[in-house]
Amino acid sequence: MNKILVGIGGNLIPEGYSSLQDGLDAAIEMLEKYGIREVHCSSWYETSPVPKSDQPLFRNAVFSAVTDANPLQLLERLNDIEARIGRVRTTRNAARVLDLDILDFNAQLVDLENLTIPHPRMHLRAFVLIPLQEIRADYIHPVTKKPIISLINDLPDEQEISRLPD
């Protein structure tokens, strides 16, 4: 089984759901149907958009899991879950109902036309690193070789993030 880390988030209420959180929870509930098991999710965080914009605030978390899928199969499965929740891809960094990003896959480096692992900007984003530290305080970035606490300390100050109550 492959060990994975995935970022999950969104900032728009999906059609047919009463809240943003309901859509995010529905996505997590779908994971097992797609062969993504042993899901361990961080707390949820409210975060400012990156890059800064006038979009609504995001809600983000990170989860660890295992899967029998290879990286491209996993990407396809996550994209299918996004579509089922109602994501329509428009422009980069646009507001969205759901975003599922592969952050890490067995600590391997993957560099394909449509998939780069680890996620190429994860080390620059508080909304990834802070939830990730909660579930994997021992994480070391496979490219920079830096421990997660160093990555967090290197973050720019302008990213707003606050943990939501359980």
Protein backbone atom coordinates (compact mmCIF):
# COMPACT_ATOMS: atom_id res chain seq x y z
CA MET A 1 0.00 0.00 0.00
CA ASN A 2 1.16 3.51 -0.79
CA LYS A 3 1.27 6.16 1.93
CA ILE A 4 -0.13 9.48 0.81
CA LEU A 5 -0.67 13.01 2.09
CA VAL A 6 -3.44 15.06 0.51
CA GLY A 7 -4.51 18.66 0.99
CA ILE A 8 -8.24 19.32 0.98
CA GLY A 9 -9.99 22.65 0.85
CA GLY A 10 -12.52 24.93 -0.73
CA ASN A 11 -14.16 28.32 -0.41
CA LEU A 12 -17.53 28.01 -2.15
CA ILE A 13 -20.61 26.09 -1.00
CA PRO A 14 -21.23 23.23 -3.45
CA GLU A 15 -24.65 23.09 -5.09
CA GLY A 16 -26.88 20.69 -3.18
CA TYR A 17 -25.00 21.09 0.12
CA SER A 18 -26.04 23.29 3.03
CA SER A 19 -22.51 24.48 3.80
CA LEU A 20 -18.94 24.41 2.60
CA GLN A 21 -18.09 21.97 5.41
CA ASP A 22 -20.85 19.58 4.28
CA GLY A 23 -19.25 19.41 0.83
CA LEU A 24 -15.78 18.83 2.29
CA ASP A 25 -17.12 16.12 4.61
CA ALA A 26 -18.89 14.44 1.67
CA ALA A 27 -15.60 14.35 -0.24
CA ILE A 28 -13.86 12.65 2.69
CA GLU A 29 -16.70 10.13 2.94
CA MET A 30 -16.20 9.25 -0.76
CA LEU A 31 -12.51 8.39 -0.34
CA GLU A 32 -13.03 4.76 0.68
CA LYS A 33 -15.12 4.06 -2.43
CA TYR A 34 -12.05 5.13 -4.41
CA GLY A 35 -9.64 2.81 -2.59
CA ILE A 36 -8.28 5.51 -0.28
CA ARG A 37 -8.30 4.07 3.24
CA GLU A 38 -7.07 4.63 6.80
CA VAL A 39 -7.80 8.33 6.46
CA HIS A 40 -6.48 10.49 9.29
CA CYS A 41 -7.49 14.14 8.93
CA SER A 42 -6.05 17.21 10.63
CA SER A 43 -8.22 19.86 12.19
CA TRP A 44 -9.91 22.30 9.83
CA TYR A 45 -8.42 25.75 9.33
CA GLU A 46 -9.85 28.97 7.95
CA THR A 47 -7.31 30.57 5.66
CA SER A 48 -6.87 33.57 3.43
CA PRO A 49 -6.62 32.97 -0.33
CA VAL A 50 -3.10 32.54 -1.74
CA PRO A 51 -2.28 34.67 -3.61
CA LYS A 52 -4.27 37.35 -1.77
CA SER A 53 -7.56 38.24 -3.45
CA ASP A 54 -11.11 39.30 -2.66
CA GLN A 55 -12.31 35.69 -2.72
CA PRO A 56 -14.09 34.22 0.31
CA LEU A 57 -11.89 32.64 2.97
CA PHE A 58 -10.91 29.02 2.43
CA ARG A 59 -11.41 26.07 4.73
CA ASN A 60 -8.43 23.67 4.60
CA ALA A 61 -7.10 20.48 6.15
CA VAL A 62 -4.57 17.76 5.32
CA PHE A 63 -5.14 14.03 5.55
CA SER A 64 -2.90 11.01 5.48
CA ALA A 65 -4.14 7.74 4.00
CA VAL A 66 -3.09 4.61 2.15
CA THR A 67 -4.05 3.51 -1.35
CA ASP A 68 -3.25 0.80 -3.86
CA ALA A 69 -3.34 3.39 -6.65
CA ASN A 70 -0.24 4.66 -8.42
CA PRO A 71 0.24 8.46 -8.56
CA LEU A 72 -1.64 8.98 -11.83
CA GLN A 73 -4.50 6.71 -10.76
CA LEU A 74 -4.71 8.63 -7.48
CA LEU A 75 -4.84 11.95 -9.33
CA GLU A 76 -7.65 10.61 -11.52
CA ARG A 77 -9.59 9.39 -8.47
CA LEU A 78 -9.20 12.71 -6.64
CA ASN A 79 -10.23 14.66 -9.75
CA ASP A 80 -13.33 12.45 -10.00
CA ILE A 81 -14.26 13.20 -6.38
CA GLU A 82 -13.80 16.94 -7.06
CA ALA A 83 -16.12 16.68 -10.08
CA ARG A 84 -18.75 14.72 -8.11
CA ILE A 85 -18.82 17.44 -5.46
CA GLY A 86 -19.26 20.02 -8.22
CA ARG A 87 -15.86 21.46 -9.03
CA VAL A 88 -15.61 23.07 -12.44
CA ARG A 89 -12.04 23.97 -13.40
CA THR A 90 -11.70 27.51 -14.70
CA THR A 91 -8.64 29.68 -14.09
CA ARG A 92 -5.74 28.94 -11.77
CA ASN A 93 -6.33 30.07 -8.16
CA ALA A 94 -10.06 30.63 -8.82
CA ALA A 95 -12.62 30.15 -6.06
CA ARG A 96 -13.73 26.52 -5.87
CA VAL A 97 -16.04 24.13 -4.06
CA LEU A 98 -13.30 21.53 -3.57
CA ASP A 99 -9.58 21.18 -4.14
CA LEU A 100 -7.75 17.90 -3.50
CA ASP A 101 -3.97 18.15 -3.94
CA ILE A 102 -1.51 15.26 -3.68
CA LEU A 103 1.17 16.58 -1.36
CA ASP A 104 3.26 13.44 -0.90
CA PHE A 105 3.29 9.89 -2.27
CA ASN A 106 5.62 7.52 -0.37
CA ALA A 107 8.10 10.45 -0.08
CA GLN A 108 8.85 9.85 -3.78
CA LEU A 109 9.58 12.48 -6.38
CA VAL A 110 7.18 12.43 -9.33
CA ASP A 111 7.62 14.84 -12.25
CA LEU A 112 5.15 14.24 -15.05
CA GLU A 113 3.45 16.61 -17.47
CA ASN A 114 0.26 16.83 -15.39
CA LEU A 115 1.52 15.82 -11.93
CA THR A 116 4.38 16.94 -9.70
CA ILE A 117 4.89 15.36 -6.27
CA PRO A 118 5.58 16.73 -3.79
CA HIS A 119 3.18 19.52 -4.62
CA PRO A 120 5.48 22.24 -6.02
CA ARG A 121 4.16 25.06 -3.81
CA MET A 122 3.33 23.19 -0.61
CA HIS A 123 6.41 24.51 1.20
CA LEU A 124 5.16 28.09 0.62
CA ARG A 125 1.66 27.65 2.04
CA ALA A 126 0.62 27.91 5.66
CA PHE A 127 -2.71 26.24 4.82
CA VAL A 128 -0.76 23.08 3.94
CA LEU A 129 2.13 23.11 6.40
CA ILE A 130 0.29 23.91 9.63
CA PRO A 131 -2.36 21.17 9.24
CA LEU A 132 0.35 18.79 8.00
CA GLN A 133 2.44 19.40 11.10
CA GLU A 134 -0.59 18.45 13.20
CA ILE A 135 -0.72 14.93 11.72
CA ARG A 136 2.94 14.45 10.69
CA ALA A 137 5.23 16.46 12.98
CA ASP A 138 8.13 14.31 11.72
CA TYR A 139 7.58 15.21 8.04
CA ILE A 140 10.68 16.09 6.04
CA HIS A 141 10.18 17.63 2.61
CA PRO A 142 11.70 15.23 0.05
CA VAL A 143 13.10 18.03 -2.15
CA THR A 144 14.27 20.68 0.31
CA LYS A 145 15.18 18.05 2.95
CA LYS A 146 13.88 20.48 5.59
CA PRO A 147 11.77 19.35 8.55
CA ILE A 148 8.27 20.74 8.64
CA ILE A 149 8.98 23.10 11.54
CA SER A 150 11.72 24.78 9.47
CA LEU A 151 9.35 25.13 6.52
CA ILE A 152 6.75 26.74 8.79
CA ASN A 153 9.32 29.13 10.25
CA ASP A 154 10.30 30.18 6.70
CA LEU A 155 6.73 31.09 5.69
CA PRO A 156 5.94 34.70 4.75
CA ASP A 157 3.95 36.53 7.44
CA GLU A 158 1.04 37.67 5.27
CA GLN A 159 -0.76 34.29 5.20
CA GLU A 160 -3.69 34.30 7.61
CA ILE A 161 -4.68 30.98 9.17
CA SER A 162 -6.78 30.08 12.19
CA ARG A 163 -7.76 26.68 13.53
CA LEU A 164 -11.49 26.09 13.65
CA PRO A 165 -13.08 24.55 16.75
CA ASP A 166 -13.65 20.78 16.55
